[in-house]
Amino acid sequence: KRYPHWRFGMSYDQLSKGYEWGMQKIYEMVINTDPCYAYLLNSNPYIDQKLVMAHVYGHCDFFKNNYWFSKTNRKMLDQMANHAARVRRYMDLYGEDEVETFIDRCLSVEDLIDPYLPFQEKKPEAEEAKQAKPSFDVARFQAPRSYLDTFMNPKEILEQQRREAETKAKEQKGHFPVNPERDILKFLLENAPLEDWQADILSMIREESYYFVPQRMTKIMNEGWASYWHSKLLTEKLLEPSEFLDFADRHAGVMATQPGGMNPYKLGIELFRHIEDRWNKGKFGKDYDLCDDMVRKKHWDKKLGLGRQKIFEVRRSHNDITFIDEFFTEEFCEEQRLYTYSMNPRTKRYEIKTRDWREVKEKMLAMLTNGGQPLVRVTDANHKNRAELLLKHEHHGQDLDLNYARATLANLSALWGRPASLETQIDGVRRVFTFTNGDFSEEK
C-alpha cells in the first residue's frame, strides 16, 4: 500500500468509471517483485483469466531476465509500505495539508532523474572528488622521435591552447555544479535547504521513481513479449476448440490500434515476430544487406532456424530505444503500414506526411527518448551570483509545453527556496523563464 495522496484516488476513480461505462477493460496488475505478484479481476470470464495468466507469465519472465530491470529493488512492495507508514507519521506531526502540498511539489519533478544512473559503476569518493575538479591540461602528441616533437607540437598551437584553457578555468572557477547534473532530485537532496522530514519524503519519491524507470524504458518490449507468449501458449497449448473464437475476439481487442496512434502491444508483438522470422530465414548479415534484388530478398530463406534463440537474446539485453533502432526495418514498416502525419495548414486536417521508413523510425525514437519527457539538467546553482537555480532544457526539435514548464519551475523554486530559471529554445530563439516571488518573467 502506497503513501496517501489524492492522485491515487483520482486514478482509481478514472479507472473504475472507465470500466463501469465500458470504455476500457481491466485484465490484471502485475508487480515486479521476487516472487512476482499478479492480481486478476475476479469478475472476468474464464477465457479472460486464461489469457491474463499466460500474459502475466510473459511479464514475469521479462522482469526477471531483462537487463534494465536487473538493478530494481525486488522487495519494493515492503519498501512502499514503509514509505506509507513514514508519510502518515509526518502527516500526524506536521499536518495533512502541509505534507500533501510538499508531496505535490515533489511529484511534479519526479521524472527529473537520470535513468542510466543505476548502471554506472560507483567510483571511490577520492576519485569522484578528483573528477569533480575540471582539468584544463594542454594536449600534446607523443612524438616517436625527439626531433619530431617541434613538428607535432608547434609552439604557437600549444600557446593558443594554454590561453584557451586559462580562459575556461576562469569561467569555471567557483561554478557549481562543475558538470551539468541530470539527477535533479539527487541534487536537491544534497543541496536544497530542506527540513529532515522533507528530505525523507523527497528521497522516498526518488527511490520509487527509479523503481518505475525500467517499465517506462521497456513498455513496447515488455507488452510485446507478454503478448507474444500469451498468443503462443494459448493457440498451441491451452485453448479448448470451443474457446478459440472468444480468444480471437479478446486478442484482437488488445491489439487494436486507433488511426494515427501507436499501440505498444501491437508494435511489440509484431516486431518480435518480425525478428524471429528474419533469423529463422537468415535475413541478416552482409549478403542480405547488399542484395538489391527485391524479389530475391522477399523469398530469401536459408532455413537457419535461429529465430527463437534471437528473440530471447533481444529480450535479455535491449530497451525500447535500442529495440526500435536496431530492428525496425523498411520491410517491417511496409508490412505494418506505418507512417507519420501532420496538420495540413490549408485544409486544417491531419494528413499522412510520409511513409519513408527512416522518418517513421526517427519519429518513434524521438517519442521514446527520455520516456517522451523533456531532458533538463541543473547547470548553475549560483546563477547571477545570487544562489539562484538555473536549469537548461536540451532542445532536440520539440518545444516545451510552457504551461507545464511554468508550473514545474514554480515547484522547483519552492523546493530550492530561491528563484529558479529555465533556459530553453522556442522556434529557434533562446529564452530564459524565471520564477521569482510568485511571478514569471521571460528573457530572450
Protein backbone atom coordinates (compact mmCIF):
# COMPACT_ATOMS: atom_id res chain seq x y z
CA LYS A 1 0.00 0.00 0.00
CA ARG A 2 1.46 3.34 -1.07
CA TYR A 3 1.56 6.62 0.79
CA PRO A 4 -1.76 8.54 0.99
CA HIS A 5 -2.21 11.09 -1.76
CA TRP A 6 -5.16 12.45 -3.73
CA ARG A 7 -3.78 11.42 -7.13
CA PHE A 8 -4.18 7.70 -6.32
CA GLY A 9 -7.88 8.23 -5.56
CA MET A 10 -8.25 10.22 -8.78
CA SER A 11 -6.59 7.44 -10.82
CA TYR A 12 -8.81 4.81 -9.21
CA ASP A 13 -11.95 6.83 -9.88
CA GLN A 14 -10.99 7.31 -13.53
CA LEU A 15 -10.18 3.60 -13.94
CA SER A 16 -13.33 2.33 -12.24
CA LYS A 17 -15.63 4.68 -14.20
CA GLY A 18 -13.97 3.71 -17.48
CA TYR A 19 -14.59 0.04 -16.66
CA GLU A 20 -18.15 0.66 -15.47
CA TRP A 21 -19.09 2.59 -18.61
CA GLY A 22 -17.45 0.06 -20.95
CA MET A 23 -14.72 2.42 -22.15
CA GLN A 24 -11.88 0.11 -21.08
CA LYS A 25 -11.27 -3.44 -19.90
CA ILE A 26 -9.35 -4.25 -16.71
CA TYR A 27 -7.46 -7.53 -17.01
CA GLU A 28 -4.66 -7.62 -14.45
CA MET A 29 -2.00 -5.86 -12.49
CA VAL A 30 1.44 -7.48 -12.31
CA ILE A 31 4.19 -6.26 -9.99
CA ASN A 32 7.94 -6.62 -10.46
CA THR A 33 8.92 -8.31 -7.20
CA ASP A 34 10.58 -11.56 -6.13
CA PRO A 35 8.41 -13.54 -6.49
CA CYS A 36 6.21 -11.58 -8.89
CA TYR A 37 2.67 -10.80 -7.79
CA ALA A 38 -0.29 -10.56 -10.13
CA TYR A 39 -3.86 -9.51 -9.32
CA LEU A 40 -6.65 -10.67 -11.64
CA LEU A 41 -10.14 -9.18 -11.75
CA ASN A 42 -12.42 -11.78 -10.20
CA SER A 43 -15.43 -10.93 -12.38
CA ASN A 44 -13.66 -11.58 -15.70
CA PRO A 45 -14.78 -14.67 -17.72
CA TYR A 46 -12.70 -17.87 -17.57
CA ILE A 47 -11.21 -17.35 -21.06
CA ASP A 48 -10.02 -13.89 -19.99
CA GLN A 49 -8.32 -15.37 -16.94
CA LYS A 50 -6.55 -17.92 -19.12
CA LEU A 51 -5.28 -15.18 -21.42
CA VAL A 52 -4.23 -13.00 -18.49
CA MET A 53 -2.30 -15.75 -16.71
CA ALA A 54 -0.32 -16.55 -19.87
CA HIS A 55 0.26 -12.81 -20.39
CA VAL A 56 1.46 -12.40 -16.80
CA TYR A 57 3.99 -15.22 -17.17
CA GLY A 58 5.47 -13.30 -20.10
CA HIS A 59 5.78 -10.16 -17.94
CA CYS A 60 7.36 -12.13 -15.08
CA ASP A 61 9.94 -13.65 -17.43
CA PHE A 62 10.74 -10.18 -18.77
CA PHE A 63 11.10 -8.68 -15.28
CA LYS A 64 13.44 -11.47 -14.23
CA ASN A 65 15.68 -11.61 -17.29
CA ASN A 66 15.78 -8.18 -18.93
CA TYR A 67 18.97 -6.27 -18.11
CA TRP A 68 17.19 -2.96 -17.48
CA PHE A 69 15.27 -4.50 -14.56
CA SER A 70 18.40 -6.02 -13.01
CA LYS A 71 19.01 -3.05 -10.66
CA THR A 72 15.46 -2.69 -9.33
CA ASN A 73 14.51 -3.39 -5.73
CA ARG A 74 12.64 -6.72 -5.82
CA LYS A 75 11.24 -6.03 -2.34
CA MET A 76 9.69 -2.72 -3.30
CA LEU A 77 6.22 -3.63 -2.01
CA ASP A 78 7.61 -3.84 1.52
CA GLN A 79 9.59 -0.65 0.94
CA MET A 80 6.47 1.18 -0.25
CA ALA A 81 4.60 0.05 2.86
CA ASN A 82 7.41 1.52 4.97
CA HIS A 83 7.19 4.76 2.97
CA ALA A 84 3.44 4.94 3.58
CA ALA A 85 3.89 4.50 7.34
CA ARG A 86 6.50 7.27 7.47
CA VAL A 87 4.37 9.68 5.43
CA ARG A 88 1.38 9.09 7.72
CA ARG A 89 3.60 9.79 10.72
CA TYR A 90 4.72 13.09 9.15
CA MET A 91 1.07 13.99 8.45
CA ASP A 92 0.28 13.46 12.13
CA LEU A 93 3.24 15.64 13.16
CA TYR A 94 3.09 18.49 10.62
CA GLY A 95 -0.46 18.39 9.29
CA GLU A 96 -2.00 16.68 6.28
CA ASP A 97 -2.19 19.83 4.13
CA GLU A 98 1.47 20.74 4.74
CA VAL A 99 2.75 17.28 3.86
CA GLU A 100 0.43 16.82 0.88
CA THR A 101 1.44 20.18 -0.58
CA PHE A 102 5.08 19.21 -0.33
CA ILE A 103 4.37 15.82 -1.98
CA ASP A 104 2.59 17.67 -4.83
CA ARG A 105 5.76 19.67 -5.46
CA CYS A 106 7.95 16.57 -5.37
CA LEU A 107 5.68 14.63 -7.76
CA SER A 108 5.84 17.44 -10.32
CA VAL A 109 9.60 16.82 -10.66
CA GLU A 110 9.71 13.04 -10.06
CA ASP A 111 10.78 12.40 -13.68
CA LEU A 112 13.85 14.66 -13.40
CA ILE A 113 16.24 11.80 -12.70
CA ASP A 114 18.99 10.01 -14.63
CA PRO A 115 17.59 6.64 -15.82
CA TYR A 116 21.10 5.34 -16.52
CA LEU A 117 22.50 6.20 -13.08
CA PRO A 118 21.85 2.73 -11.54
CA PHE A 119 24.00 1.16 -14.26
CA GLN A 120 27.02 3.41 -13.73
CA GLU A 121 29.87 1.89 -11.79
CA LYS A 122 30.18 3.61 -8.44
CA LYS A 123 33.61 5.19 -8.05
CA PRO A 124 35.52 5.77 -4.82
CA GLU A 125 34.89 9.15 -3.19
CA ALA A 126 38.51 10.24 -3.72
CA GLU A 127 38.24 9.57 -7.45
CA GLU A 128 34.87 11.35 -7.66
CA ALA A 129 36.32 14.38 -5.92
CA LYS A 130 39.25 14.36 -8.32
CA GLN A 131 36.96 14.20 -11.35
CA ALA A 132 34.77 16.96 -9.95
CA LYS A 133 37.65 19.38 -10.42
CA PRO A 134 37.87 20.46 -14.06
CA SER A 135 41.08 19.64 -15.88
CA PHE A 136 42.46 22.03 -18.48
CA ASP A 137 45.72 20.34 -19.43
CA VAL A 138 47.15 21.22 -22.81
CA ALA A 139 47.03 18.26 -25.18
CA ARG A 140 50.40 17.16 -26.57
CA PHE A 141 51.19 14.45 -29.09
CA GLN A 142 53.80 11.86 -28.14
CA ALA A 143 56.50 12.12 -30.79
CA PRO A 144 58.15 8.80 -31.79
CA ARG A 145 61.48 10.66 -32.22
CA SER A 146 62.69 13.70 -30.29
CA TYR A 147 63.43 15.71 -33.43
CA LEU A 148 59.75 15.36 -34.50
CA ASP A 149 58.41 17.00 -31.34
CA THR A 150 58.52 20.55 -32.70
CA PHE A 151 56.66 19.45 -35.83
CA MET A 152 53.94 17.51 -33.98
CA ASN A 153 53.54 20.09 -31.19
CA PRO A 154 54.02 23.57 -32.73
CA LYS A 155 54.79 26.22 -30.14
CA GLU A 156 52.11 28.63 -31.37
CA ILE A 157 49.40 25.93 -31.17
CA LEU A 158 50.39 24.97 -27.62
CA GLU A 159 50.36 28.62 -26.59
CA GLN A 160 46.87 29.10 -28.04
CA GLN A 161 45.62 26.02 -26.20
CA ARG A 162 47.14 27.31 -22.95
CA ARG A 163 45.36 30.67 -23.31
CA GLU A 164 42.03 28.96 -24.05
CA ALA A 165 42.50 26.68 -21.03
CA GLU A 166 43.19 29.64 -18.76
CA THR A 167 40.08 31.45 -20.01
CA LYS A 168 37.95 28.36 -19.44
CA ALA A 169 39.44 27.87 -15.96
CA LYS A 170 38.49 31.44 -15.01
CA GLU A 171 34.95 30.88 -16.26
CA GLN A 172 34.62 27.64 -14.29
CA LYS A 173 36.14 28.99 -11.08
CA GLY A 174 33.58 28.76 -8.34
CA HIS A 175 30.99 27.25 -10.71
CA PHE A 176 28.65 24.73 -9.10
CA PRO A 177 27.89 22.11 -10.17
CA VAL A 178 31.08 21.67 -12.19
CA ASN A 179 29.24 19.46 -14.69
CA PRO A 180 25.51 19.69 -15.55
CA GLU A 181 23.52 17.42 -13.23
CA ARG A 182 20.77 15.29 -14.75
CA ASP A 183 19.54 13.71 -11.50
CA ILE A 184 17.87 16.87 -10.21
CA LEU A 185 16.19 15.07 -7.30
CA LYS A 186 19.57 13.94 -6.02
CA PHE A 187 20.94 17.46 -6.45
CA LEU A 188 18.05 18.89 -4.40
CA LEU A 189 18.52 16.27 -1.70
CA GLU A 190 22.19 17.17 -1.35
CA ASN A 191 21.95 20.96 -1.69
CA ALA A 192 18.42 22.34 -1.13
CA PRO A 193 17.55 23.79 2.31
CA LEU A 194 15.07 21.04 3.20
CA GLU A 195 13.92 20.03 6.64
CA ASP A 196 14.62 16.44 7.69
CA TRP A 197 11.07 15.23 7.04
CA GLN A 198 11.03 16.96 3.64
CA ALA A 199 14.32 15.38 2.60
CA ASP A 200 13.00 11.99 3.72
CA ILE A 201 9.84 12.33 1.61
CA LEU A 202 11.82 13.53 -1.42
CA SER A 203 14.18 10.54 -1.06
CA MET A 204 11.15 8.18 -0.97
CA ILE A 205 9.72 9.67 -4.17
CA ARG A 206 13.12 9.47 -5.86
CA GLU A 207 13.51 5.83 -4.85
CA GLU A 208 10.07 4.91 -6.17
CA SER A 209 10.69 6.88 -9.36
CA TYR A 210 13.84 4.85 -10.05
CA TYR A 211 11.85 1.66 -9.43
CA PHE A 212 9.40 2.56 -12.22
CA VAL A 213 12.05 3.77 -14.72
CA PRO A 214 12.67 0.34 -16.38
CA GLN A 215 8.94 -0.04 -17.03
CA ARG A 216 8.91 3.26 -18.91
CA MET A 217 12.08 2.28 -20.80
CA THR A 218 10.70 -1.10 -21.95
CA LYS A 219 6.94 -0.56 -22.37
CA ILE A 220 6.85 -1.72 -26.01
CA MET A 221 9.16 -4.68 -25.45
CA ASN A 222 7.51 -5.78 -22.22
CA GLU A 223 3.96 -5.72 -23.57
CA GLY A 224 5.10 -7.20 -26.88
CA TRP A 225 6.89 -10.07 -25.13
CA ALA A 226 3.90 -10.85 -22.89
CA SER A 227 1.52 -10.66 -25.86
CA TYR A 228 3.78 -12.91 -27.95
CA TRP A 229 3.72 -15.60 -25.28
CA HIS A 230 0.03 -15.40 -24.38
CA SER A 231 -0.73 -15.82 -28.10
CA LYS A 232 1.77 -18.67 -28.49
CA LEU A 233 0.73 -20.56 -25.33
CA LEU A 234 -3.00 -20.28 -25.81
CA THR A 235 -3.19 -21.08 -29.53
CA GLU A 236 -0.75 -24.00 -29.33
CA LYS A 237 -1.29 -25.47 -25.85
CA LEU A 238 -4.00 -24.13 -23.60
CA LEU A 239 -7.20 -23.45 -25.53
CA GLU A 240 -10.12 -25.80 -25.98
CA PRO A 241 -11.59 -25.80 -29.51
CA SER A 242 -14.70 -24.02 -28.22
CA GLU A 243 -12.57 -21.18 -26.81
CA PHE A 244 -10.71 -20.10 -29.96
CA LEU A 245 -13.34 -17.66 -31.17
CA ASP A 246 -13.59 -15.91 -27.79
CA PHE A 247 -9.80 -15.73 -27.54
CA ALA A 248 -9.54 -14.23 -31.04
CA ASP A 249 -12.06 -11.57 -30.03
CA ARG A 250 -10.14 -10.67 -26.83
CA HIS A 251 -6.76 -10.72 -28.57
CA ALA A 252 -8.00 -8.52 -31.42
CA GLY A 253 -9.29 -6.01 -28.87
CA VAL A 254 -5.89 -5.83 -27.17
CA MET A 255 -4.05 -5.45 -30.50
CA ALA A 256 -6.43 -2.83 -31.98
CA THR A 257 -4.71 0.42 -32.95
CA GLN A 258 -6.51 3.72 -33.41
CA PRO A 259 -5.79 5.61 -36.65
CA GLY A 260 -2.78 7.85 -36.06
CA GLY A 261 -1.96 6.12 -32.76
CA MET A 262 0.65 3.64 -31.59
CA ASN A 263 -0.32 0.53 -29.61
CA PRO A 264 2.71 -0.82 -27.68
CA TYR A 265 1.13 -4.31 -27.54
CA LYS A 266 0.72 -4.46 -31.32
CA LEU A 267 4.07 -2.85 -32.17
CA GLY A 268 5.96 -5.04 -29.70
CA ILE A 269 4.47 -8.39 -30.69
CA GLU A 270 4.81 -7.74 -34.42
CA LEU A 271 8.44 -6.64 -34.09
CA PHE A 272 9.31 -9.77 -32.07
CA ARG A 273 7.63 -11.89 -34.75
CA HIS A 274 9.49 -9.98 -37.45
CA ILE A 275 12.83 -10.64 -35.72
CA GLU A 276 12.00 -14.32 -35.27
CA ASP A 277 11.09 -14.68 -38.95
CA ARG A 278 14.26 -12.85 -40.10
CA TRP A 279 16.59 -15.03 -38.05
CA ASN A 280 14.75 -18.23 -39.00
CA LYS A 281 15.25 -17.38 -42.68
CA GLY A 282 18.70 -15.81 -42.38
CA LYS A 283 17.55 -12.33 -43.45
CA PHE A 284 20.53 -10.58 -41.90
CA GLY A 285 24.24 -10.14 -42.47
CA LYS A 286 26.34 -8.64 -45.23
CA ASP A 287 25.00 -10.74 -48.11
CA TYR A 288 21.40 -9.87 -47.31
CA ASP A 289 22.10 -6.18 -46.75
CA LEU A 290 23.99 -5.85 -50.06
CA CYS A 291 21.35 -7.68 -52.07
CA ASP A 292 19.42 -5.16 -54.21
CA ASP A 293 17.08 -7.70 -55.84
CA MET A 294 13.78 -7.11 -54.02
CA VAL A 295 12.19 -10.32 -55.34
CA ARG A 296 15.15 -12.38 -54.14
CA LYS A 297 15.11 -10.67 -50.72
CA LYS A 298 11.38 -11.33 -50.37
CA HIS A 299 11.88 -15.08 -50.90
CA TRP A 300 15.21 -15.25 -49.02
CA ASP A 301 15.28 -18.36 -46.80
CA LYS A 302 18.44 -20.10 -45.58
CA LYS A 303 16.38 -22.17 -43.10
CA LEU A 304 18.69 -21.31 -40.19
CA GLY A 305 16.02 -21.69 -37.50
CA LEU A 306 17.67 -19.16 -35.19
CA GLY A 307 14.57 -17.07 -34.54
CA ARG A 308 13.64 -18.35 -31.08
CA GLN A 309 17.21 -18.03 -29.87
CA LYS A 310 17.41 -14.47 -31.22
CA ILE A 311 14.24 -13.16 -29.59
CA PHE A 312 15.40 -14.48 -26.20
CA GLU A 313 18.69 -12.69 -26.75
CA VAL A 314 16.85 -9.46 -27.64
CA ARG A 315 14.59 -9.80 -24.59
CA ARG A 316 17.64 -10.06 -22.35
CA SER A 317 19.63 -7.01 -23.42
CA HIS A 318 17.51 -4.34 -25.14
CA ASN A 319 15.22 -1.49 -24.15
CA ASP A 320 12.61 0.19 -26.37
CA ILE A 321 15.02 2.67 -27.96
CA THR A 322 17.67 0.09 -28.91
CA PHE A 323 14.90 -2.37 -29.88
CA ILE A 324 13.42 0.07 -32.41
CA ASP A 325 16.78 1.44 -33.51
CA GLU A 326 18.27 -1.95 -34.34
CA PHE A 327 15.34 -3.99 -35.63
CA PHE A 328 12.89 -1.52 -37.20
CA THR A 329 13.47 -2.15 -40.91
CA GLU A 330 11.99 -0.94 -44.17
CA GLU A 331 10.27 -4.31 -44.64
CA PHE A 332 8.68 -4.10 -41.19
CA CYS A 333 7.47 -0.55 -41.79
CA GLU A 334 5.81 -1.59 -45.05
CA GLU A 335 4.27 -4.72 -43.52
CA GLN A 336 2.68 -2.74 -40.69
CA ARG A 337 1.73 0.22 -42.93
CA LEU A 338 3.29 2.75 -40.61
CA TYR A 339 3.60 6.44 -41.48
CA THR A 340 3.97 9.91 -39.99
CA TYR A 341 1.28 12.56 -40.19
CA SER A 342 0.95 16.29 -39.64
CA MET A 343 -1.57 19.12 -39.86
CA ASN A 344 -2.26 20.44 -43.36
CA PRO A 345 -2.40 24.24 -42.92
CA ARG A 346 -4.67 24.57 -45.96
CA THR A 347 -7.34 22.01 -45.05
CA LYS A 348 -6.82 22.21 -41.25
CA ARG A 349 -6.84 18.42 -41.14
CA TYR A 350 -4.25 15.83 -40.15
CA GLU A 351 -2.88 14.05 -43.22
CA ILE A 352 -0.20 11.49 -43.95
CA LYS A 353 3.12 13.31 -44.20
CA THR A 354 5.41 10.49 -45.33
CA ARG A 355 5.71 6.71 -45.50
CA ASP A 356 9.51 6.82 -45.60
CA TRP A 357 10.59 4.22 -43.04
CA ARG A 358 13.60 6.28 -41.91
CA GLU A 359 11.40 9.22 -40.96
CA VAL A 360 8.88 6.93 -39.26
CA LYS A 361 11.69 5.34 -37.26
CA GLU A 362 13.17 8.72 -36.36
CA LYS A 363 9.76 9.92 -35.16
CA MET A 364 9.34 6.85 -32.96
CA LEU A 365 12.80 7.23 -31.45
CA ALA A 366 12.11 10.90 -30.71
CA MET A 367 8.92 9.90 -28.88
CA LEU A 368 10.75 7.28 -26.83
CA THR A 369 13.86 9.30 -25.94
CA ASN A 370 13.89 10.04 -22.21
CA GLY A 371 10.44 8.48 -21.94
CA GLY A 372 8.95 11.27 -24.03
CA GLN A 373 9.83 13.75 -21.27
CA PRO A 374 11.98 16.88 -21.78
CA LEU A 375 15.64 16.41 -20.89
CA VAL A 376 16.55 19.03 -18.28
CA ARG A 377 19.78 19.46 -16.31
CA VAL A 378 20.93 21.71 -13.48
CA THR A 379 23.72 23.88 -14.90
CA ASP A 380 24.24 26.54 -12.24
CA ALA A 381 23.27 26.66 -8.56
CA ASN A 382 24.62 30.20 -8.16
CA HIS A 383 23.01 31.89 -11.13
CA LYS A 384 23.74 35.63 -11.30
CA ASN A 385 25.85 35.10 -8.16
CA ARG A 386 22.63 35.11 -6.09
CA ALA A 387 22.28 31.40 -5.20
CA GLU A 388 19.51 31.09 -7.78
CA LEU A 389 18.95 27.85 -9.66
CA LEU A 390 19.50 27.68 -13.44
CA LEU A 391 18.33 24.70 -15.45
CA LYS A 392 18.79 24.03 -19.15
CA HIS A 393 16.41 22.18 -21.43
CA GLU A 394 18.37 20.21 -24.04
CA HIS A 395 16.33 21.03 -27.11
CA HIS A 396 16.02 18.21 -29.67
CA GLY A 397 13.49 19.69 -32.06
CA GLN A 398 10.47 19.59 -29.73
CA ASP A 399 9.41 22.65 -27.75
CA LEU A 400 8.40 22.55 -24.12
CA ASP A 401 4.76 22.72 -23.03
CA LEU A 402 5.03 26.15 -21.40
CA ASN A 403 2.10 25.61 -19.05
CA TYR A 404 3.75 22.51 -17.59
CA ALA A 405 7.16 24.17 -17.65
CA ARG A 406 5.97 27.19 -15.65
CA ALA A 407 4.18 25.06 -13.04
CA THR A 408 7.21 22.79 -12.65
CA LEU A 409 9.55 25.77 -12.40
CA ALA A 410 7.41 27.24 -9.60
CA ASN A 411 7.63 23.97 -7.67
CA LEU A 412 11.40 23.77 -8.20
CA SER A 413 11.74 27.29 -6.87
CA ALA A 414 9.75 26.31 -3.77
CA LEU A 415 11.97 23.27 -3.18
CA TRP A 416 15.16 25.27 -3.75
CA GLY A 417 13.99 28.16 -1.59
CA ARG A 418 15.25 30.72 -4.11
CA PRO A 419 14.27 31.90 -7.63
CA ALA A 420 14.65 29.31 -10.39
CA SER A 421 15.26 29.84 -14.11
CA LEU A 422 14.92 27.57 -17.12
CA GLU A 423 16.79 28.08 -20.37
CA THR A 424 15.17 26.60 -23.47
CA GLN A 425 14.72 27.21 -27.18
CA ILE A 426 11.41 28.05 -28.85
CA ASP A 427 11.12 28.48 -32.62
CA GLY A 428 14.90 28.76 -32.83
CA VAL A 429 15.08 31.55 -30.24
CA ARG A 430 16.87 31.07 -26.92
CA ARG A 431 14.62 32.00 -24.00
CA VAL A 432 15.05 32.03 -20.24
CA PHE A 433 11.99 31.75 -17.98
CA THR A 434 12.38 32.80 -14.35
CA PHE A 435 10.09 32.31 -11.38
CA THR A 436 10.60 34.85 -8.58
CA ASN A 437 8.31 35.58 -5.65
CA GLY A 438 5.23 34.20 -7.37
CA ASP A 439 5.83 35.97 -10.70
CA PHE A 440 7.15 34.71 -14.03
CA SER A 441 9.43 36.67 -16.30
CA GLU A 442 10.83 35.88 -19.73
CA GLU A 443 14.10 36.93 -21.30
CA LYS A 444 15.08 36.42 -24.93
